[in-house]
């Protein structure tokens, strides 16, 4: 049975593109039924439009609480009856107001290993730690989002990413993104 995915993005949407490509070439038995962005200029919206996928632009209103925003967001997504909600570069914390609508259905992709470098600057923080001699690798994980914790949900899959002496932040970032794309597809296939 084809699984219905709703993908939440905030920017470029390269992980969304990996999902779309895998669905199109038959690698994934999934259909992206909607793409949601919290920024009107997110390039990932254009990627979705090229595949004729419905898009939702959900920018927070001035003064709107997280809970109000998340309730509205959940109600818009419920219409699509997703099997999975994929946070693929979604740069906004979701409250329990949202999470309670989709228990055990939300998956996040994070460019670090469990317990390391939570938040939006994970790759830069890993690179800085490497330069200080504290680590020799970072990683990528795909994890469930059961609560409001930042990148703390139980890992589904993970992969170590070595950091090399001649790496720059840019080369490390590119390598991490390549692994993200692959690991996300592997995880979705397994689910």
C-alpha atoms as a PDB file:
ATOM      1  CA  UNK A   1       0.000   0.000   0.000  1.00  0.00           C
ATOM      2  CA  UNK A   2       1.303   3.430  -0.954  1.00  0.00           C
ATOM      3  CA  UNK A   3       2.056   5.572   2.095  1.00  0.00           C
ATOM      4  CA  UNK A   4       0.977   9.216   2.098  1.00  0.00           C
ATOM      5  CA  UNK A   5       3.627  11.706   3.183  1.00  0.00           C
ATOM      6  CA  UNK A   6       3.333  15.343   4.175  1.00  0.00           C
ATOM      7  CA  UNK A   7       6.750  17.008   4.114  1.00  0.00           C
ATOM      8  CA  UNK A   8       7.480  20.120   6.174  1.00  0.00           C
ATOM      9  CA  UNK A   9      10.281  22.403   4.987  1.00  0.00           C
ATOM     10  CA  UNK A  10      11.720  25.828   5.711  1.00  0.00           C
ATOM     11  CA  UNK A  11      14.228  26.337   2.922  1.00  0.00           C
ATOM     12  CA  UNK A  12      15.926  24.784  -0.075  1.00  0.00           C
ATOM     13  CA  UNK A  13      14.150  21.436   0.099  1.00  0.00           C
ATOM     14  CA  UNK A  14      17.018  19.198  -1.015  1.00  0.00           C
ATOM     15  CA  UNK A  15      15.773  16.414   1.264  1.00  0.00           C
ATOM     16  CA  UNK A  16      12.290  16.904  -0.177  1.00  0.00           C
ATOM     17  CA  UNK A  17      13.825  16.496  -3.638  1.00  0.00           C
ATOM     18  CA  UNK A  18      15.430  13.218  -2.578  1.00  0.00           C
ATOM     19  CA  UNK A  19      12.000  11.971  -1.449  1.00  0.00           C
ATOM     20  CA  UNK A  20      10.301  13.146  -4.648  1.00  0.00           C
ATOM     21  CA  UNK A  21      12.940  11.475  -6.818  1.00  0.00           C
ATOM     22  CA  UNK A  22      12.682   8.208  -4.867  1.00  0.00           C
ATOM     23  CA  UNK A  23       8.882   8.234  -5.193  1.00  0.00           C
ATOM     24  CA  UNK A  24       9.058   8.965  -8.902  1.00  0.00           C
ATOM     25  CA  UNK A  25      11.618   6.264  -9.707  1.00  0.00           C
ATOM     26  CA  UNK A  26       9.749   3.644  -7.669  1.00  0.00           C
ATOM     27  CA  UNK A  27      12.371   3.317  -4.944  1.00  0.00           C
ATOM     28  CA  UNK A  28       9.769   4.424  -2.382  1.00  0.00           C
ATOM     29  CA  UNK A  29       6.206   3.187  -2.320  1.00  0.00           C
ATOM     30  CA  UNK A  30       5.069   6.595  -1.113  1.00  0.00           C
ATOM     31  CA  UNK A  31       3.275   9.651  -2.396  1.00  0.00           C
ATOM     32  CA  UNK A  32       3.995  13.167  -1.193  1.00  0.00           C
ATOM     33  CA  UNK A  33       0.457  14.495  -0.809  1.00  0.00           C
ATOM     34  CA  UNK A  34       1.433  17.973   0.441  1.00  0.00           C
ATOM     35  CA  UNK A  35       4.437  20.146   1.171  1.00  0.00           C
ATOM     36  CA  UNK A  36       4.217  22.715   3.943  1.00  0.00           C
ATOM     37  CA  UNK A  37       6.616  25.636   4.378  1.00  0.00           C
ATOM     38  CA  UNK A  38       6.786  28.132   7.192  1.00  0.00           C
ATOM     39  CA  UNK A  39       8.551  30.643   4.909  1.00  0.00           C
ATOM     40  CA  UNK A  40       6.947  32.024   1.755  1.00  0.00           C
ATOM     41  CA  UNK A  41      10.278  32.120  -0.104  1.00  0.00           C
ATOM     42  CA  UNK A  42      11.302  28.522   0.647  1.00  0.00           C
ATOM     43  CA  UNK A  43      12.705  27.104  -2.599  1.00  0.00           C
ATOM     44  CA  UNK A  44      11.336  23.690  -1.690  1.00  0.00           C
ATOM     45  CA  UNK A  45       7.879  25.029  -2.592  1.00  0.00           C
ATOM     46  CA  UNK A  46       9.054  25.364  -6.191  1.00  0.00           C
ATOM     47  CA  UNK A  47      10.310  21.775  -6.105  1.00  0.00           C
ATOM     48  CA  UNK A  48       6.847  20.635  -4.982  1.00  0.00           C
ATOM     49  CA  UNK A  49       5.099  22.688  -7.682  1.00  0.00           C
ATOM     50  CA  UNK A  50       7.231  21.024 -10.375  1.00  0.00           C
ATOM     51  CA  UNK A  51       5.698  17.710  -9.246  1.00  0.00           C
ATOM     52  CA  UNK A  52       2.181  19.220  -9.030  1.00  0.00           C
ATOM     53  CA  UNK A  53       2.050  18.622  -5.278  1.00  0.00           C
ATOM     54  CA  UNK A  54      -0.253  20.829  -3.204  1.00  0.00           C
ATOM     55  CA  UNK A  55       1.647  23.353  -1.112  1.00  0.00           C
ATOM     56  CA  UNK A  56       0.749  25.169   2.053  1.00  0.00           C
ATOM     57  CA  UNK A  57       2.572  28.314   3.102  1.00  0.00           C
ATOM     58  CA  UNK A  58       2.015  28.681   6.821  1.00  0.00           C
ATOM     59  CA  UNK A  59       3.834  31.752   8.103  1.00  0.00           C
ATOM     60  CA  UNK A  60       3.192  32.562  11.763  1.00  0.00           C
ATOM     61  CA  UNK A  61       0.995  35.619  12.277  1.00  0.00           C
ATOM     62  CA  UNK A  62       2.406  38.459  14.402  1.00  0.00           C
ATOM     63  CA  UNK A  63       1.697  37.728  18.050  1.00  0.00           C
ATOM     64  CA  UNK A  64       0.396  34.234  17.331  1.00  0.00           C
ATOM     65  CA  UNK A  65       1.305  31.702  20.018  1.00  0.00           C
ATOM     66  CA  UNK A  66       3.071  28.457  19.126  1.00  0.00           C
ATOM     67  CA  UNK A  67       0.009  26.544  20.246  1.00  0.00           C
ATOM     68  CA  UNK A  68      -2.359  28.581  18.049  1.00  0.00           C
ATOM     69  CA  UNK A  69      -0.049  28.214  15.051  1.00  0.00           C
ATOM     70  CA  UNK A  70       0.421  24.492  15.637  1.00  0.00           C
ATOM     71  CA  UNK A  71      -3.313  23.851  15.974  1.00  0.00           C
ATOM     72  CA  UNK A  72      -3.987  25.631  12.674  1.00  0.00           C
ATOM     73  CA  UNK A  73      -1.099  23.779  11.032  1.00  0.00           C
ATOM     74  CA  UNK A  74      -2.356  20.407  12.271  1.00  0.00           C
ATOM     75  CA  UNK A  75      -5.866  21.104  11.022  1.00  0.00           C
ATOM     76  CA  UNK A  76      -4.567  21.982   7.544  1.00  0.00           C
ATOM     77  CA  UNK A  77      -2.463  18.806   7.414  1.00  0.00           C
ATOM     78  CA  UNK A  78      -5.237  16.523   8.723  1.00  0.00           C
ATOM     79  CA  UNK A  79      -7.123  17.073   5.455  1.00  0.00           C
ATOM     80  CA  UNK A  80      -4.415  15.055   3.652  1.00  0.00           C
ATOM     81  CA  UNK A  81      -4.670  12.066   6.052  1.00  0.00           C
ATOM     82  CA  UNK A  82      -0.903  11.423   6.065  1.00  0.00           C
ATOM     83  CA  UNK A  83       0.648   8.153   7.132  1.00  0.00           C
ATOM     84  CA  UNK A  84       3.864  10.022   7.949  1.00  0.00           C
ATOM     85  CA  UNK A  85       4.868  13.625   8.501  1.00  0.00           C
ATOM     86  CA  UNK A  86       8.475  14.226   7.530  1.00  0.00           C
ATOM     87  CA  UNK A  87      10.374  17.190   8.976  1.00  0.00           C
ATOM     88  CA  UNK A  88      12.927  17.726   6.213  1.00  0.00           C
ATOM     89  CA  UNK A  89      14.672  20.951   7.091  1.00  0.00           C
ATOM     90  CA  UNK A  90      11.714  22.282   9.107  1.00  0.00           C
ATOM     91  CA  UNK A  91      13.295  24.958  11.277  1.00  0.00           C
ATOM     92  CA  UNK A  92      10.536  25.441  13.799  1.00  0.00           C
ATOM     93  CA  UNK A  93       9.854  23.584  17.023  1.00  0.00           C
ATOM     94  CA  UNK A  94       6.489  21.882  17.131  1.00  0.00           C
ATOM     95  CA  UNK A  95       4.499  21.984  20.355  1.00  0.00           C
ATOM     96  CA  UNK A  96       2.491  19.174  21.881  1.00  0.00           C
ATOM     97  CA  UNK A  97      -0.566  20.882  20.418  1.00  0.00           C
ATOM     98  CA  UNK A  98       0.623  19.679  16.989  1.00  0.00           C
ATOM     99  CA  UNK A  99       2.294  16.467  18.087  1.00  0.00           C
ATOM    100  CA  UNK A 100      -0.861  15.175  19.782  1.00  0.00           C
ATOM    101  CA  UNK A 101      -2.687  15.163  16.441  1.00  0.00           C
ATOM    102  CA  UNK A 102      -0.077  12.861  14.875  1.00  0.00           C
ATOM    103  CA  UNK A 103       1.166  10.506  17.593  1.00  0.00           C
ATOM    104  CA  UNK A 104       3.899   8.167  16.315  1.00  0.00           C
ATOM    105  CA  UNK A 105       3.702   9.625  12.795  1.00  0.00           C
ATOM    106  CA  UNK A 106       6.310  12.405  12.859  1.00  0.00           C
ATOM    107  CA  UNK A 107       9.864  11.822  11.676  1.00  0.00           C
ATOM    108  CA  UNK A 108      12.731  14.306  11.767  1.00  0.00           C
ATOM    109  CA  UNK A 109      16.031  14.306   9.948  1.00  0.00           C
ATOM    110  CA  UNK A 110      18.928  15.773  11.949  1.00  0.00           C
ATOM    111  CA  UNK A 111      22.560  16.274  10.857  1.00  0.00           C
ATOM    112  CA  UNK A 112      24.162  14.833  13.996  1.00  0.00           C
ATOM    113  CA  UNK A 113      24.220  11.629  16.000  1.00  0.00           C
ATOM    114  CA  UNK A 114      21.846  11.089  18.948  1.00  0.00           C
ATOM    115  CA  UNK A 115      22.660  13.338  21.877  1.00  0.00           C
ATOM    116  CA  UNK A 116      25.152  15.427  19.890  1.00  0.00           C
ATOM    117  CA  UNK A 117      24.644  18.971  18.602  1.00  0.00           C
ATOM    118  CA  UNK A 118      20.879  19.461  18.856  1.00  0.00           C
ATOM    119  CA  UNK A 119      19.347  22.404  17.045  1.00  0.00           C
ATOM    120  CA  UNK A 120      19.874  24.305  13.851  1.00  0.00           C
ATOM    121  CA  UNK A 121      23.670  24.726  13.927  1.00  0.00           C
ATOM    122  CA  UNK A 122      24.606  21.053  14.265  1.00  0.00           C
ATOM    123  CA  UNK A 123      27.047  20.850  11.351  1.00  0.00           C
ATOM    124  CA  UNK A 124      28.834  24.084  12.273  1.00  0.00           C
ATOM    125  CA  UNK A 125      29.081  23.003  15.911  1.00  0.00           C
ATOM    126  CA  UNK A 126      30.477  19.605  14.909  1.00  0.00           C
ATOM    127  CA  UNK A 127      33.049  21.248  12.653  1.00  0.00           C
ATOM    128  CA  UNK A 128      34.096  23.611  15.461  1.00  0.00           C
ATOM    129  CA  UNK A 129      34.411  20.672  17.880  1.00  0.00           C
ATOM    130  CA  UNK A 130      36.575  18.870  15.312  1.00  0.00           C
ATOM    131  CA  UNK A 131      38.832  21.916  14.951  1.00  0.00           C
ATOM    132  CA  UNK A 132      39.251  21.970  18.732  1.00  0.00           C
ATOM    133  CA  UNK A 133      40.275  18.312  18.653  1.00  0.00           C
ATOM    134  CA  UNK A 134      37.210  17.127  20.562  1.00  0.00           C
ATOM    135  CA  UNK A 135      35.748  14.802  17.894  1.00  0.00           C
ATOM    136  CA  UNK A 136      36.796  13.101  14.663  1.00  0.00           C
ATOM    137  CA  UNK A 137      33.320  12.430  13.286  1.00  0.00           C
ATOM    138  CA  UNK A 138      29.750  13.602  13.316  1.00  0.00           C
ATOM    139  CA  UNK A 139      26.711  11.940  11.809  1.00  0.00           C
ATOM    140  CA  UNK A 140      23.150  11.956  10.604  1.00  0.00           C
ATOM    141  CA  UNK A 141      20.098  10.498  12.274  1.00  0.00           C
ATOM    142  CA  UNK A 142      16.465  10.031  11.428  1.00  0.00           C
ATOM    143  CA  UNK A 143      14.346   9.976  14.560  1.00  0.00           C
ATOM    144  CA  UNK A 144      10.795   9.990  15.807  1.00  0.00           C
ATOM    145  CA  UNK A 145       9.408  13.203  17.299  1.00  0.00           C
ATOM    146  CA  UNK A 146       7.367  12.130  20.328  1.00  0.00           C
ATOM    147  CA  UNK A 147       7.613  15.357  22.311  1.00  0.00           C
ATOM    148  CA  UNK A 148       8.827  18.950  22.334  1.00  0.00           C
ATOM    149  CA  UNK A 149      12.477  18.006  22.896  1.00  0.00           C
ATOM    150  CA  UNK A 150      14.992  19.374  20.399  1.00  0.00           C
ATOM    151  CA  UNK A 151      16.348  16.435  18.369  1.00  0.00           C
ATOM    152  CA  UNK A 152      15.888  14.075  21.326  1.00  0.00           C
ATOM    153  CA  UNK A 153      13.398  11.544  19.952  1.00  0.00           C
ATOM    154  CA  UNK A 154      14.361   7.889  19.578  1.00  0.00           C
ATOM    155  CA  UNK A 155      16.638   7.296  16.592  1.00  0.00           C
ATOM    156  CA  UNK A 156      15.301   5.087  13.821  1.00  0.00           C
ATOM    157  CA  UNK A 157      18.494   5.084  11.772  1.00  0.00           C
ATOM    158  CA  UNK A 158      21.851   6.792  12.058  1.00  0.00           C
ATOM    159  CA  UNK A 159      25.132   6.926  10.219  1.00  0.00           C
ATOM    160  CA  UNK A 160      28.542   8.228  11.220  1.00  0.00           C
ATOM    161  CA  UNK A 161      30.161  10.884   9.033  1.00  0.00           C
ATOM    162  CA  UNK A 162      33.949  11.168   9.358  1.00  0.00           C
ATOM    163  CA  UNK A 163      35.505  14.614   9.450  1.00  0.00           C
ATOM    164  CA  UNK A 164      38.749  14.865   7.497  1.00  0.00           C
ATOM    165  CA  UNK A 165      41.740  17.117   8.150  1.00  0.00           C
ATOM    166  CA  UNK A 166      41.261  18.913   4.835  1.00  0.00           C
ATOM    167  CA  UNK A 167      37.528  19.471   5.345  1.00  0.00           C
ATOM    168  CA  UNK A 168      36.036  22.924   5.326  1.00  0.00           C
ATOM    169  CA  UNK A 169      32.621  23.674   6.755  1.00  0.00           C
ATOM    170  CA  UNK A 170      31.336  23.650   3.174  1.00  0.00           C
ATOM    171  CA  UNK A 171      32.776  20.236   2.258  1.00  0.00           C
ATOM    172  CA  UNK A 172      31.542  18.711   5.510  1.00  0.00           C
ATOM    173  CA  UNK A 173      28.101  20.234   4.979  1.00  0.00           C
ATOM    174  CA  UNK A 174      27.907  18.829   1.455  1.00  0.00           C
ATOM    175  CA  UNK A 175      28.911  15.346   2.642  1.00  0.00           C
ATOM    176  CA  UNK A 176      26.411  15.424   5.503  1.00  0.00           C
ATOM    177  CA  UNK A 177      23.625  16.449   3.090  1.00  0.00           C
ATOM    178  CA  UNK A 178      24.482  13.579   0.724  1.00  0.00           C
ATOM    179  CA  UNK A 179      24.174  11.133   3.607  1.00  0.00           C
ATOM    180  CA  UNK A 180      20.951  12.786   4.804  1.00  0.00           C
ATOM    181  CA  UNK A 181      19.348  12.234   1.396  1.00  0.00           C
ATOM    182  CA  UNK A 182      20.334   8.572   1.298  1.00  0.00           C
ATOM    183  CA  UNK A 183      19.568   7.777   4.949  1.00  0.00           C
ATOM    184  CA  UNK A 184      16.140   9.417   4.801  1.00  0.00           C
ATOM    185  CA  UNK A 185      15.143   7.262   1.819  1.00  0.00           C
ATOM    186  CA  UNK A 186      16.487   4.083   3.469  1.00  0.00           C
ATOM    187  CA  UNK A 187      14.491   4.898   6.608  1.00  0.00           C
ATOM    188  CA  UNK A 188      11.283   5.582   4.725  1.00  0.00           C
ATOM    189  CA  UNK A 189      11.664   2.316   2.811  1.00  0.00           C
ATOM    190  CA  UNK A 190      12.054   0.424   6.097  1.00  0.00           C
ATOM    191  CA  UNK A 191       9.010   2.097   7.619  1.00  0.00           C
END
